[in-house]
Protein backbone atom coordinates (compact mmCIF):
# COMPACT_ATOMS: atom_id res chain seq x y z
CA MET A 1 -54.02 -46.62 19.73
CA SER A 2 -56.08 -45.44 16.76
CA ARG A 3 -55.33 -41.82 17.60
CA ALA A 4 -51.55 -42.51 17.52
CA ILE A 5 -51.92 -44.29 14.20
CA GLY A 6 -53.86 -41.36 12.84
CA ILE A 7 -51.17 -38.84 13.97
CA SER A 8 -48.48 -41.05 12.49
CA ARG A 9 -50.36 -41.32 9.19
CA ALA A 10 -50.83 -37.48 9.12
CA ALA A 11 -47.13 -36.95 9.76
CA GLN A 12 -46.26 -39.38 6.97
CA LEU A 13 -48.52 -37.55 4.52
CA ARG A 14 -46.98 -34.21 5.46
CA TRP A 15 -43.50 -35.56 4.65
CA ILE A 16 -44.79 -36.87 1.35
CA SER A 17 -46.07 -33.37 0.55
CA VAL A 18 -42.69 -31.85 1.48
CA GLY A 19 -40.94 -34.40 -0.70
CA SER A 20 -43.19 -33.60 -3.66
CA VAL A 21 -42.35 -29.89 -3.38
CA ILE A 22 -38.62 -30.63 -3.19
CA GLY A 23 -38.90 -33.00 -6.15
CA PHE A 24 -40.80 -30.37 -8.19
CA ILE A 25 -38.12 -27.73 -7.50
CA ALA A 26 -35.33 -30.19 -8.39
CA LEU A 27 -37.05 -31.05 -11.67
CA TRP A 28 -37.49 -27.33 -12.41
CA TRP A 29 -33.75 -26.74 -11.69
CA LEU A 30 -32.72 -29.73 -13.81
CA MET A 31 -34.85 -28.60 -16.80
CA SER A 32 -33.48 -25.06 -16.55
CA ILE A 33 -29.85 -26.05 -16.64
CA SER A 34 -30.05 -29.08 -18.96
CA GLY A 35 -30.70 -27.10 -22.13
CA TRP A 36 -34.09 -28.89 -22.75
CA VAL A 37 -35.79 -25.50 -22.38
CA LYS A 38 -34.41 -22.07 -23.30
CA PRO A 39 -33.18 -20.14 -20.18
CA ASP A 40 -35.29 -17.17 -21.21
CA ALA A 41 -38.45 -19.32 -21.30
CA LEU A 42 -37.83 -21.15 -18.01
CA PRO A 43 -35.56 -19.18 -15.63
CA SER A 44 -33.71 -21.31 -13.06
CA PRO A 45 -34.67 -21.12 -9.35
CA ALA A 46 -31.42 -19.25 -8.71
CA ARG A 47 -32.33 -16.61 -11.27
CA ILE A 48 -35.80 -16.35 -9.80
CA LEU A 49 -34.30 -15.69 -6.33
CA GLN A 50 -31.91 -13.07 -7.80
CA THR A 51 -34.86 -11.27 -9.45
CA LEU A 52 -36.87 -11.48 -6.25
CA SER A 53 -34.02 -9.97 -4.29
CA LYS A 54 -33.87 -7.15 -6.83
CA LEU A 55 -37.63 -6.57 -6.66
CA LEU A 56 -37.44 -6.46 -2.85
CA ASP A 57 -34.73 -3.79 -3.04
CA GLU A 58 -35.98 -1.73 -6.00
CA GLY A 59 -39.66 -2.58 -6.32
CA TYR A 60 -41.43 -2.75 -9.72
CA GLY A 61 -42.97 0.02 -11.81
CA GLY A 62 -42.25 2.62 -9.15
CA SER A 63 -43.89 0.70 -6.27
CA SER A 64 -42.42 -1.63 -3.69
CA LEU A 65 -43.13 -5.34 -3.85
CA ALA A 66 -44.95 -5.06 -0.58
CA LYS A 67 -47.33 -2.49 -2.08
CA HIS A 68 -48.04 -4.71 -5.00
CA VAL A 69 -48.86 -7.65 -2.68
CA GLY A 70 -50.93 -5.40 -0.44
CA MET A 71 -53.02 -3.91 -3.25
CA SER A 72 -53.88 -7.35 -4.64
CA ALA A 73 -54.71 -8.70 -1.20
CA MET A 74 -56.85 -5.61 -0.42
CA ARG A 75 -58.87 -5.98 -3.65
CA ALA A 76 -59.41 -9.73 -3.18
CA LEU A 77 -60.38 -9.39 0.52
CA ALA A 78 -62.70 -6.47 -0.13
CA GLY A 79 -64.57 -8.35 -2.89
CA PHE A 80 -64.63 -11.55 -0.92
CA SER A 81 -65.84 -9.80 2.28
CA LEU A 82 -68.65 -8.07 0.42
CA ALA A 83 -69.71 -11.38 -1.10
CA VAL A 84 -69.78 -13.02 2.32
CA VAL A 85 -71.58 -10.17 4.15
CA ILE A 86 -74.27 -9.87 1.46
CA GLY A 87 -74.26 -13.40 0.02
CA VAL A 88 -74.55 -15.53 3.21
CA PRO A 89 -77.73 -13.87 4.55
CA PHE A 90 -79.24 -13.74 1.04
CA GLY A 91 -78.46 -17.37 0.38
CA ILE A 92 -79.90 -18.47 3.72
CA LEU A 93 -82.98 -16.39 3.03
CA ILE A 94 -83.75 -17.86 -0.37
CA GLY A 95 -82.92 -21.29 0.99
CA ARG A 96 -85.57 -20.92 3.75
CA HIS A 97 -88.27 -19.28 1.65
CA ALA A 98 -89.28 -21.31 -1.41
CA VAL A 99 -91.28 -18.50 -3.02
CA LEU A 100 -88.37 -16.04 -2.84
CA GLY A 101 -86.06 -18.81 -4.16
CA ALA A 102 -88.40 -19.34 -7.12
CA ILE A 103 -88.38 -15.60 -7.88
CA VAL A 104 -84.57 -15.24 -7.98
CA ALA A 105 -83.77 -18.68 -9.43
CA PRO A 106 -84.12 -17.70 -13.12
CA ILE A 107 -82.11 -14.53 -12.59
CA ILE A 108 -79.32 -16.40 -10.88
CA GLY A 109 -79.53 -19.16 -13.47
CA PHE A 110 -79.08 -16.57 -16.26
CA LEU A 111 -76.26 -14.57 -14.70
CA ARG A 112 -74.15 -17.28 -13.02
CA PRO A 113 -72.84 -18.99 -16.21
CA ILE A 114 -71.61 -15.68 -17.67
CA PRO A 115 -67.86 -15.34 -17.07
CA PRO A 116 -67.10 -12.24 -14.94
CA ILE A 117 -64.50 -11.16 -17.45
CA ALA A 118 -67.39 -10.58 -19.91
CA PHE A 119 -68.50 -7.67 -17.66
CA LEU A 120 -65.02 -6.09 -17.67
CA THR A 121 -65.83 -3.15 -19.99
CA LEU A 122 -69.19 -2.54 -18.29
CA PHE A 123 -67.54 -2.27 -14.91
CA VAL A 124 -65.12 0.28 -16.34
CA PHE A 125 -68.05 2.22 -17.86
CA TYR A 126 -70.09 2.23 -14.61
CA PHE A 127 -67.35 2.57 -11.97
CA GLY A 128 -64.31 3.91 -13.88
CA ILE A 129 -60.84 2.45 -13.65
CA GLY A 130 -60.53 2.94 -9.90
CA GLU A 131 -60.76 0.41 -7.16
CA GLY A 132 -64.56 0.18 -7.37
CA SER A 133 -64.56 -1.64 -10.73
CA LYS A 134 -61.87 -4.13 -9.57
CA ILE A 135 -63.55 -4.91 -6.27
CA GLY A 136 -66.94 -5.07 -7.97
CA LEU A 137 -65.73 -7.61 -10.51
CA ILE A 138 -64.35 -9.88 -7.71
CA PHE A 139 -67.48 -9.41 -5.63
CA MET A 140 -69.76 -10.47 -8.52
CA ALA A 141 -67.73 -13.59 -9.24
CA ALA A 142 -67.70 -14.69 -5.61
CA PHE A 143 -71.23 -13.72 -4.78
CA TRP A 144 -72.96 -16.45 -6.79
CA TYR A 145 -70.85 -19.18 -5.17
CA VAL A 146 -71.74 -17.93 -1.71
CA VAL A 147 -75.45 -17.57 -2.39
CA LEU A 148 -75.95 -20.93 -4.18
CA ASN A 149 -73.99 -23.00 -1.67
CA CYS A 150 -75.64 -21.40 1.31
CA ALA A 151 -79.08 -21.79 -0.14
CA ASP A 152 -78.41 -25.47 -0.96
CA GLY A 153 -77.06 -26.03 2.51
CA VAL A 154 -80.17 -24.64 4.17
CA ARG A 155 -82.46 -26.63 1.88
CA ALA A 156 -80.52 -29.81 2.70
CA VAL A 157 -81.16 -29.56 6.46
CA PRO A 158 -83.01 -32.82 7.32
CA GLU A 159 -86.68 -32.29 8.10
CA LEU A 160 -86.25 -34.73 10.95
CA LEU A 161 -83.91 -32.26 12.73
CA ILE A 162 -86.36 -29.44 12.33
CA ARG A 163 -89.24 -31.55 13.67
CA ALA A 164 -87.09 -32.68 16.57
CA GLY A 165 -86.41 -29.06 17.46
CA GLN A 166 -90.10 -28.18 17.21
CA SER A 167 -91.01 -31.11 19.46
CA MET A 168 -88.60 -29.74 22.07
CA GLY A 169 -90.47 -26.49 22.11
CA LEU A 170 -87.92 -24.32 20.28
CA THR A 171 -89.21 -21.05 18.98
CA ARG A 172 -88.73 -20.17 15.28
CA ARG A 173 -85.74 -17.98 16.17
CA GLN A 174 -84.20 -20.71 18.34
CA LEU A 175 -84.86 -23.28 15.60
CA PHE A 176 -83.06 -21.10 13.09
CA TYR A 177 -79.95 -20.43 15.15
CA LYS A 178 -79.65 -23.70 17.03
CA VAL A 179 -80.72 -26.23 14.38
CA ILE A 180 -80.76 -24.83 10.84
CA ILE A 181 -77.62 -22.73 10.90
CA PRO A 182 -75.41 -25.43 12.58
CA ALA A 183 -76.71 -28.08 10.16
CA ALA A 184 -76.06 -25.86 7.16
CA MET A 185 -72.65 -24.76 8.38
CA PRO A 186 -70.65 -27.34 6.36
CA ALA A 187 -72.19 -26.00 3.16
CA ILE A 188 -71.59 -22.42 4.27
CA MET A 189 -67.92 -23.09 4.90
CA THR A 190 -67.68 -24.80 1.52
CA ALA A 191 -69.17 -21.62 0.00
CA LEU A 192 -66.59 -19.44 1.74
CA ARG A 193 -63.69 -21.61 0.56
CA ALA A 194 -64.95 -21.62 -3.00
CA ALA A 195 -65.58 -17.88 -2.94
CA SER A 196 -62.11 -17.19 -1.51
CA ALA A 197 -60.43 -19.15 -4.28
CA ILE A 198 -62.52 -17.38 -6.93
CA SER A 199 -61.72 -13.96 -5.34
CA TRP A 200 -58.02 -14.53 -5.42
CA THR A 201 -58.13 -15.98 -8.91
CA LEU A 202 -59.98 -12.90 -10.20
CA VAL A 203 -57.25 -10.54 -8.95
CA VAL A 204 -55.29 -10.84 -12.18
CA ALA A 205 -58.39 -10.24 -14.29
CA SER A 206 -59.51 -7.28 -12.18
CA GLU A 207 -56.08 -5.66 -12.50
CA LEU A 208 -56.58 -5.59 -16.22
CA LEU A 209 -58.74 -2.53 -15.39
CA GLY A 210 -55.99 0.08 -15.56
CA ALA A 211 -54.17 -0.99 -12.33
CA GLN A 212 -50.75 0.51 -11.65
CA ALA A 213 -50.00 -1.78 -8.73
CA GLY A 214 -50.71 -5.34 -7.83
CA LEU A 215 -49.43 -8.83 -8.55
CA GLY A 216 -51.62 -9.02 -11.68
CA PHE A 217 -50.07 -5.76 -12.84
CA ILE A 218 -46.57 -7.26 -12.38
CA ILE A 219 -47.55 -10.30 -14.38
CA LEU A 220 -49.13 -8.46 -17.27
CA ASP A 221 -46.58 -5.68 -17.49
CA SER A 222 -43.49 -7.88 -17.19
CA ALA A 223 -44.86 -10.28 -19.78
CA GLN A 224 -45.25 -7.43 -22.26
CA TYR A 225 -41.60 -6.53 -21.80
CA PHE A 226 -40.44 -10.18 -21.84
CA ASN A 227 -39.23 -9.91 -18.22
CA ILE A 228 -40.03 -13.58 -17.66
CA PRO A 229 -38.39 -13.94 -14.20
CA ALA A 230 -40.61 -11.11 -12.84
CA THR A 231 -43.66 -12.80 -14.44
CA PHE A 232 -42.70 -16.06 -12.67
CA ILE A 233 -42.38 -14.16 -9.37
CA GLY A 234 -45.81 -12.68 -9.70
CA ILE A 235 -47.32 -16.11 -10.48
CA ILE A 236 -45.46 -17.74 -7.60
CA LEU A 237 -46.56 -15.10 -5.11
CA ILE A 238 -50.13 -15.44 -6.21
CA GLY A 239 -49.90 -19.21 -5.71
CA LEU A 240 -48.24 -18.96 -2.30
CA ILE A 241 -50.63 -16.33 -0.94
CA GLY A 242 -53.61 -18.34 -2.29
CA LEU A 243 -52.21 -21.43 -0.56
CA LEU A 244 -51.86 -19.58 2.78
CA TRP A 245 -55.37 -18.17 2.42
CA GLU A 246 -56.77 -21.67 1.78
CA LEU A 247 -54.87 -23.09 4.75
CA GLY A 248 -56.22 -20.31 7.00
CA LEU A 249 -59.78 -20.95 5.92
CA SER A 250 -59.27 -24.68 6.32
CA ALA A 251 -58.10 -24.08 9.91
CA ILE A 252 -61.15 -21.93 10.59
CA ALA A 253 -63.40 -24.63 9.09
CA ARG A 254 -61.84 -27.31 11.30
CA ARG A 255 -62.50 -25.14 14.36
CA VAL A 256 -66.04 -24.20 13.36
CA LEU A 257 -66.94 -27.78 12.26
CA HIS A 258 -65.07 -29.41 15.15
CA TRP A 259 -67.57 -32.28 15.36
CA GLN A 260 -66.92 -33.53 11.84
CA GLY A 261 -64.86 -36.72 11.57
CA ARG A 262 -65.37 -37.65 15.23
CA THR A 263 -66.70 -41.02 16.18
CA LEU A 264 -68.23 -42.17 19.46
């Protein structure tokens, strides 16, 4: 009975979400045709679709729209993947070893508050204007989120669980993989979701570094030439892809953390 109520409630919330999207588009359309806002400042949905059709046919700046999307996705995924591959083990390591954590804490505390955009010119100086500087900027921004959340997750593992594992005769290796990692997994998944959002957000900033293709390039270039519909399309595509990325990670999190939310 409770399961049926839960499914019904979830379906109701999904319809509410769909209704909010429809209402937002309707409000946008109304504002664009009412004269409240200049058409050049707020293109109508119909004009956006026309411009999108043109971009699909002709591309932008000598590259197809698919290439622009692919380049941005490649940069974000590369920076995010590096942050995960390096940051997760490092975060777990400093979370388990208090001395190592104390060594790196002041360094992380100093670097983390500095906005990644502040390192923009340094990345160009060290890595040039190629893909290395763009991916490096995204990696640096995502890395701290991964490291800190993973370290906090490992530190937050209840001592009672560790002692219970030790009393069952688990070796240190078994204790690590069967107790500590599963207990810290919610924090690790939170780290991955935060890092993915940061990685995709930094795409536009990274494409300030002399990019000739990418959604950030479309936004920046079209805005300079007052091609506002193309600017809107770049923004909308970034939002849609970011939403799909978040939904994908949420689905993975639900599968990995399948025990969460269950009651006996």
